[in-house]
Amino acid sequence: MKEKEIIEMQRLIDEGVRRAQYRLLQRACAANQTLVVCRGGKILEMVPEVEPSVTDAANGDPLARRKQR
């Protein structure tokens, strides 16, 4: 394989991973669940936005929002 083909294949793989993560995040938001992903070597917990009445009591704290569900 030529280096150009390898770079193109890696770009397509990376794009597919980003799309898959986006779809998973959309499903988690629809189900009102959190999603844990690894980005840039860091573990991130992605919390879907909740209704304003819930965030007022939680002050934007993801753990407090999870407890209220």
PDB file of N, CA and C in Angstrom:
ATOM      1  N   MET A   1       0.832  -1.174   0.000  1.00  0.00           N
ATOM      2  CA  MET A   1       0.000   0.000   0.000  1.00  0.00           C
ATOM      3  C   MET A   1       0.882   1.243   0.000  1.00  0.00           C
ATOM      4  N   LYS A   2       0.469   2.216  -0.745  1.00  0.00           N
ATOM      5  CA  LYS A   2       1.205   3.472  -0.787  1.00  0.00           C
ATOM      6  C   LYS A   2       0.864   4.301   0.443  1.00  0.00           C
ATOM      7  N   GLU A   3       1.771   5.188   0.783  1.00  0.00           N
ATOM      8  CA  GLU A   3       1.569   6.023   1.973  1.00  0.00           C
ATOM      9  C   GLU A   3       0.311   6.889   1.831  1.00  0.00           C
ATOM     10  N   LYS A   4       0.050   7.352   0.627  1.00  0.00           N
ATOM     11  CA  LYS A   4      -1.141   8.167   0.386  1.00  0.00           C
ATOM     12  C   LYS A   4      -2.417   7.373   0.663  1.00  0.00           C
ATOM     13  N   GLU A   5      -2.444   6.110   0.270  1.00  0.00           N
ATOM     14  CA  GLU A   5      -3.602   5.253   0.511  1.00  0.00           C
ATOM     15  C   GLU A   5      -3.784   4.984   2.003  1.00  0.00           C
ATOM     16  N   ILE A   6      -2.672   4.810   2.696  1.00  0.00           N
ATOM     17  CA  ILE A   6      -2.731   4.560   4.139  1.00  0.00           C
ATOM     18  C   ILE A   6      -3.297   5.779   4.859  1.00  0.00           C
ATOM     19  N   ILE A   7      -2.846   6.970   4.481  1.00  0.00           N
ATOM     20  CA  ILE A   7      -3.340   8.204   5.104  1.00  0.00           C
ATOM     21  C   ILE A   7      -4.835   8.363   4.838  1.00  0.00           C
ATOM     22  N   GLU A   8      -5.270   8.087   3.612  1.00  0.00           N
ATOM     23  CA  GLU A   8      -6.693   8.194   3.274  1.00  0.00           C
ATOM     24  C   GLU A   8      -7.525   7.176   4.060  1.00  0.00           C
ATOM     25  N   MET A   9      -7.022   5.953   4.190  1.00  0.00           N
ATOM     26  CA  MET A   9      -7.734   4.926   4.945  1.00  0.00           C
ATOM     27  C   MET A   9      -7.845   5.322   6.417  1.00  0.00           C
ATOM     28  N   GLN A  10      -6.783   5.866   6.990  1.00  0.00           N
ATOM     29  CA  GLN A  10      -6.816   6.296   8.391  1.00  0.00           C
ATOM     30  C   GLN A  10      -7.811   7.437   8.584  1.00  0.00           C
ATOM     31  N   ARG A  11      -7.876   8.348   7.619  1.00  0.00           N
ATOM     32  CA  ARG A  11      -8.827   9.458   7.691  1.00  0.00           C
ATOM     33  C   ARG A  11     -10.261   8.917   7.683  1.00  0.00           C
ATOM     34  N   LEU A  12     -10.526   7.942   6.822  1.00  0.00           N
ATOM     35  CA  LEU A  12     -11.861   7.350   6.754  1.00  0.00           C
ATOM     36  C   LEU A  12     -12.218   6.611   8.045  1.00  0.00           C
ATOM     37  N   ILE A  13     -11.258   5.927   8.636  1.00  0.00           N
ATOM     38  CA  ILE A  13     -11.489   5.225   9.900  1.00  0.00           C
ATOM     39  C   ILE A  13     -11.801   6.225  11.005  1.00  0.00           C
ATOM     40  N   ASP A  14     -11.010   7.297  11.079  1.00  0.00           N
ATOM     41  CA  ASP A  14     -11.233   8.326  12.101  1.00  0.00           C
ATOM     42  C   ASP A  14     -12.609   8.980  11.937  1.00  0.00           C
ATOM     43  N   GLU A  15     -12.992   9.242  10.699  1.00  0.00           N
ATOM     44  CA  GLU A  15     -14.302   9.829  10.434  1.00  0.00           C
ATOM     45  C   GLU A  15     -15.420   8.880  10.868  1.00  0.00           C
ATOM     46  N   GLY A  16     -15.251   7.594  10.611  1.00  0.00           N
ATOM     47  CA  GLY A  16     -16.241   6.602  11.028  1.00  0.00           C
ATOM     48  C   GLY A  16     -16.375   6.518  12.538  1.00  0.00           C
ATOM     49  N   VAL A  17     -15.259   6.611  13.244  1.00  0.00           N
ATOM     50  CA  VAL A  17     -15.290   6.584  14.711  1.00  0.00           C
ATOM     51  C   VAL A  17     -16.018   7.811  15.238  1.00  0.00           C
ATOM     52  N   ARG A  18     -15.738   8.983  14.670  1.00  0.00           N
ATOM     53  CA  ARG A  18     -16.429  10.209  15.112  1.00  0.00           C
ATOM     54  C   ARG A  18     -17.932  10.110  14.861  1.00  0.00           C
ATOM     55  N   ARG A  19     -18.314   9.574  13.712  1.00  0.00           N
ATOM     56  CA  ARG A  19     -19.745   9.412  13.419  1.00  0.00           C
ATOM     57  C   ARG A  19     -20.405   8.435  14.384  1.00  0.00           C
ATOM     58  N   ALA A  20     -19.721   7.351  14.698  1.00  0.00           N
ATOM     59  CA  ALA A  20     -20.268   6.364  15.627  1.00  0.00           C
ATOM     60  C   ALA A  20     -20.440   6.971  17.015  1.00  0.00           C
ATOM     61  N   GLN A  21     -19.453   7.749  17.470  1.00  0.00           N
ATOM     62  CA  GLN A  21     -19.567   8.402  18.779  1.00  0.00           C
ATOM     63  C   GLN A  21     -20.720   9.387  18.783  1.00  0.00           C
ATOM     64  N   TYR A  22     -20.901  10.111  17.687  1.00  0.00           N
ATOM     65  CA  TYR A  22     -21.997  11.073  17.599  1.00  0.00           C
ATOM     66  C   TYR A  22     -23.341  10.353  17.693  1.00  0.00           C
ATOM     67  N   ARG A  23     -23.479   9.238  16.968  1.00  0.00           N
ATOM     68  CA  ARG A  23     -24.735   8.470  17.022  1.00  0.00           C
ATOM     69  C   ARG A  23     -24.981   7.920  18.424  1.00  0.00           C
ATOM     70  N   LEU A  24     -23.923   7.442  19.072  1.00  0.00           N
ATOM     71  CA  LEU A  24     -24.078   6.943  20.445  1.00  0.00           C
ATOM     72  C   LEU A  24     -24.513   8.058  21.392  1.00  0.00           C
ATOM     73  N   LEU A  25     -23.936   9.254  21.207  1.00  0.00           N
ATOM     74  CA  LEU A  25     -24.321  10.382  22.051  1.00  0.00           C
ATOM     75  C   LEU A  25     -25.781  10.750  21.818  1.00  0.00           C
ATOM     76  N   GLN A  26     -26.228  10.722  20.569  1.00  0.00           N
ATOM     77  CA  GLN A  26     -27.628  11.018  20.270  1.00  0.00           C
ATOM     78  C   GLN A  26     -28.553   9.995  20.917  1.00  0.00           C
ATOM     79  N   ARG A  27     -28.175   8.722  20.870  1.00  0.00           N
ATOM     80  CA  ARG A  27     -28.990   7.686  21.515  1.00  0.00           C
ATOM     81  C   ARG A  27     -29.011   7.862  23.024  1.00  0.00           C
ATOM     82  N   ALA A  28     -27.865   8.206  23.608  1.00  0.00           N
ATOM     83  CA  ALA A  28     -27.805   8.420  25.055  1.00  0.00           C
ATOM     84  C   ALA A  28     -28.672   9.606  25.453  1.00  0.00           C
ATOM     85  N   CYS A  29     -28.654  10.666  24.653  1.00  0.00           N
ATOM     86  CA  CYS A  29     -29.490  11.835  24.941  1.00  0.00           C
ATOM     87  C   CYS A  29     -30.964  11.464  24.865  1.00  0.00           C
ATOM     88  N   ALA A  30     -31.330  10.689  23.863  1.00  0.00           N
ATOM     89  CA  ALA A  30     -32.728  10.290  23.700  1.00  0.00           C
ATOM     90  C   ALA A  30     -33.200   9.419  24.866  1.00  0.00           C
ATOM     91  N   ALA A  31     -32.287   8.595  25.402  1.00  0.00           N
ATOM     92  CA  ALA A  31     -32.637   7.707  26.511  1.00  0.00           C
ATOM     93  C   ALA A  31     -32.357   8.347  27.866  1.00  0.00           C
ATOM     94  N   ASN A  32     -31.886   9.612  27.856  1.00  0.00           N
ATOM     95  CA  ASN A  32     -31.566  10.346  29.082  1.00  0.00           C
ATOM     96  C   ASN A  32     -30.526   9.602  29.918  1.00  0.00           C
ATOM     97  N   GLN A  33     -29.462   9.139  29.251  1.00  0.00           N
ATOM     98  CA  GLN A  33     -28.371   8.438  29.910  1.00  0.00           C
ATOM     99  C   GLN A  33     -27.066   9.169  29.641  1.00  0.00           C
ATOM    100  N   THR A  34     -26.014   8.814  30.362  1.00  0.00           N
ATOM    101  CA  THR A  34     -24.703   9.395  30.110  1.00  0.00           C
ATOM    102  C   THR A  34     -23.908   8.472  29.193  1.00  0.00           C
ATOM    103  N   LEU A  35     -22.878   9.038  28.563  1.00  0.00           N
ATOM    104  CA  LEU A  35     -22.010   8.279  27.676  1.00  0.00           C
ATOM    105  C   LEU A  35     -20.571   8.553  28.090  1.00  0.00           C
ATOM    106  N   VAL A  36     -19.770   7.503  28.258  1.00  0.00           N
ATOM    107  CA  VAL A  36     -18.367   7.636  28.618  1.00  0.00           C
ATOM    108  C   VAL A  36     -17.533   7.292  27.397  1.00  0.00           C
ATOM    109  N   VAL A  37     -16.665   8.256  26.978  1.00  0.00           N
ATOM    110  CA  VAL A  37     -15.820   8.062  25.802  1.00  0.00           C
ATOM    111  C   VAL A  37     -14.393   8.463  26.135  1.00  0.00           C
ATOM    112  N   CYS A  38     -13.471   8.019  25.301  1.00  0.00           N
ATOM    113  CA  CYS A  38     -12.067   8.396  25.427  1.00  0.00           C
ATOM    114  C   CYS A  38     -11.727   9.314  24.268  1.00  0.00           C
ATOM    115  N   ARG A  39     -11.303  10.522  24.579  1.00  0.00           N
ATOM    116  CA  ARG A  39     -10.900  11.483  23.545  1.00  0.00           C
ATOM    117  C   ARG A  39      -9.561  12.079  23.934  1.00  0.00           C
ATOM    118  N   GLY A  40      -8.613  11.967  23.046  1.00  0.00           N
ATOM    119  CA  GLY A  40      -7.298  12.550  23.302  1.00  0.00           C
ATOM    120  C   GLY A  40      -6.607  11.937  24.501  1.00  0.00           C
ATOM    121  N   GLY A  41      -6.867  10.665  24.773  1.00  0.00           N
ATOM    122  CA  GLY A  41      -6.248   9.997  25.906  1.00  0.00           C
ATOM    123  C   GLY A  41      -6.912  10.301  27.239  1.00  0.00           C
ATOM    124  N   LYS A  42      -8.026  11.017  27.232  1.00  0.00           N
ATOM    125  CA  LYS A  42      -8.742  11.347  28.465  1.00  0.00           C
ATOM    126  C   LYS A  42     -10.111  10.699  28.441  1.00  0.00           C
ATOM    127  N   ILE A  43     -10.558  10.241  29.593  1.00  0.00           N
ATOM    128  CA  ILE A  43     -11.879   9.651  29.735  1.00  0.00           C
ATOM    129  C   ILE A  43     -12.868  10.779  30.027  1.00  0.00           C
ATOM    130  N   LEU A  44     -13.914  10.882  29.216  1.00  0.00           N
ATOM    131  CA  LEU A  44     -14.921  11.923  29.377  1.00  0.00           C
ATOM    132  C   LEU A  44     -16.291  11.302  29.581  1.00  0.00           C
ATOM    133  N   GLU A  45     -17.035  11.837  30.535  1.00  0.00           N
ATOM    134  CA  GLU A  45     -18.424  11.425  30.710  1.00  0.00           C
ATOM    135  C   GLU A  45     -19.292  12.508  30.092  1.00  0.00           C
ATOM    136  N   MET A  46     -20.033  12.156  29.075  1.00  0.00           N
ATOM    137  CA  MET A  46     -20.880  13.116  28.382  1.00  0.00           C
ATOM    138  C   MET A  46     -22.290  12.993  28.935  1.00  0.00           C
ATOM    139  N   VAL A  47     -22.771  14.074  29.526  1.00  0.00           N
ATOM    140  CA  VAL A  47     -24.077  14.091  30.170  1.00  0.00           C
ATOM    141  C   VAL A  47     -25.030  14.878  29.278  1.00  0.00           C
ATOM    142  N   PRO A  48     -26.166  14.308  28.908  1.00  0.00           N
ATOM    143  CA  PRO A  48     -27.117  15.050  28.084  1.00  0.00           C
ATOM    144  C   PRO A  48     -27.712  16.221  28.860  1.00  0.00           C
ATOM    145  N   GLU A  49     -28.090  17.228  28.127  1.00  0.00           N
ATOM    146  CA  GLU A  49     -28.724  18.383  28.754  1.00  0.00           C
ATOM    147  C   GLU A  49     -30.081  17.976  29.304  1.00  0.00           C
ATOM    148  N   VAL A  50     -30.416  18.528  30.452  1.00  0.00           N
ATOM    149  CA  VAL A  50     -31.709  18.229  31.074  1.00  0.00           C
ATOM    150  C   VAL A  50     -32.534  19.499  31.122  1.00  0.00           C
ATOM    151  N   GLU A  51     -33.772  19.363  31.496  1.00  0.00           N
ATOM    152  CA  GLU A  51     -34.689  20.499  31.534  1.00  0.00           C
ATOM    153  C   GLU A  51     -34.198  21.559  32.515  1.00  0.00           C
ATOM    154  N   PRO A  52     -34.482  22.848  32.249  1.00  0.00           N
ATOM    155  CA  PRO A  52     -34.010  23.934  33.120  1.00  0.00           C
ATOM    156  C   PRO A  52     -34.453  23.789  34.574  1.00  0.00           C
ATOM    157  N   SER A  53     -35.627  23.236  34.833  1.00  0.00           N
ATOM    158  CA  SER A  53     -36.100  23.091  36.208  1.00  0.00           C
ATOM    159  C   SER A  53     -35.197  22.151  37.004  1.00  0.00           C
ATOM    160  N   VAL A  54     -34.605  21.172  36.335  1.00  0.00           N
ATOM    161  CA  VAL A  54     -33.717  20.231  37.013  1.00  0.00           C
ATOM    162  C   VAL A  54     -32.351  20.851  37.216  1.00  0.00           C
ATOM    163  N   THR A  55     -31.847  21.619  36.244  1.00  0.00           N
ATOM    164  CA  THR A  55     -30.510  22.195  36.357  1.00  0.00           C
ATOM    165  C   THR A  55     -30.450  23.287  37.414  1.00  0.00           C
ATOM    166  N   ASP A  56     -31.562  23.976  37.679  1.00  0.00           N
ATOM    167  CA  ASP A  56     -31.562  25.001  38.718  1.00  0.00           C
ATOM    168  C   ASP A  56     -31.222  24.390  40.070  1.00  0.00           C
ATOM    169  N   ALA A  57     -31.795  23.260  40.362  1.00  0.00           N
ATOM    170  CA  ALA A  57     -31.557  22.601  41.641  1.00  0.00           C
ATOM    171  C   ALA A  57     -30.169  21.968  41.688  1.00  0.00           C
ATOM    172  N   ALA A  58     -29.653  21.557  40.544  1.00  0.00           N
ATOM    173  CA  ALA A  58     -28.382  20.836  40.516  1.00  0.00           C
ATOM    174  C   ALA A  58     -27.189  21.767  40.332  1.00  0.00           C
ATOM    175  N   ASN A  59     -27.410  23.030  39.974  1.00  0.00           N
ATOM    176  CA  ASN A  59     -26.325  23.982  39.735  1.00  0.00           C
ATOM    177  C   ASN A  59     -25.317  23.484  38.709  1.00  0.00           C
ATOM    178  N   GLY A  60     -25.744  22.749  37.724  1.00  0.00           N
ATOM    179  CA  GLY A  60     -24.873  22.299  36.659  1.00  0.00           C
ATOM    180  C   GLY A  60     -23.941  21.160  37.021  1.00  0.00           C
ATOM    181  N   ASP A  61     -24.100  20.566  38.169  1.00  0.00           N
ATOM    182  CA  ASP A  61     -23.243  19.461  38.591  1.00  0.00           C
ATOM    183  C   ASP A  61     -23.740  18.164  37.959  1.00  0.00           C
ATOM    184  N   PRO A  62     -22.906  17.505  37.115  1.00  0.00           N
ATOM    185  CA  PRO A  62     -23.367  16.287  36.443  1.00  0.00           C
ATOM    186  C   PRO A  62     -23.769  15.176  37.405  1.00  0.00           C
ATOM    187  N   LEU A  63     -23.068  15.047  38.521  1.00  0.00           N
ATOM    188  CA  LEU A  63     -23.434  13.994  39.473  1.00  0.00           C
ATOM    189  C   LEU A  63     -24.780  14.264  40.121  1.00  0.00           C
ATOM    190  N   ALA A  64     -25.052  15.517  40.420  1.00  0.00           N
ATOM    191  CA  ALA A  64     -26.339  15.862  41.006  1.00  0.00           C
ATOM    192  C   ALA A  64     -27.465  15.635  40.003  1.00  0.00           C
ATOM    193  N   ARG A  65     -27.193  15.951  38.734  1.00  0.00           N
ATOM    194  CA  ARG A  65     -28.215  15.729  37.708  1.00  0.00           C
ATOM    195  C   ARG A  65     -28.507  14.231  37.566  1.00  0.00           C
ATOM    196  N   ARG A  66     -27.483  13.409  37.662  1.00  0.00           N
ATOM    197  CA  ARG A  66     -27.684  11.952  37.533  1.00  0.00           C
ATOM    198  C   ARG A  66     -28.531  11.447  38.691  1.00  0.00           C
ATOM    199  N   LYS A  67     -28.298  11.951  39.890  1.00  0.00           N
ATOM    200  CA  LYS A  67     -29.045  11.495  41.062  1.00  0.00           C
ATOM    201  C   LYS A  67     -30.512  11.872  40.959  1.00  0.00           C
ATOM    202  N   GLN A  68     -30.821  12.968  40.259  1.00  0.00           N
ATOM    203  CA  GLN A  68     -32.198  13.422  40.159  1.00  0.00           C
ATOM    204  C   GLN A  68     -33.021  12.633  39.153  1.00  0.00           C
ATOM    205  N   ARG A  69     -32.369  11.884  38.277  1.00  0.00           N
ATOM    206  CA  ARG A  69     -33.109  11.120  37.261  1.00  0.00           C
ATOM    207  C   ARG A  69     -33.792   9.948  37.842  1.00  0.00           C
TER     208      ARG A  69
END
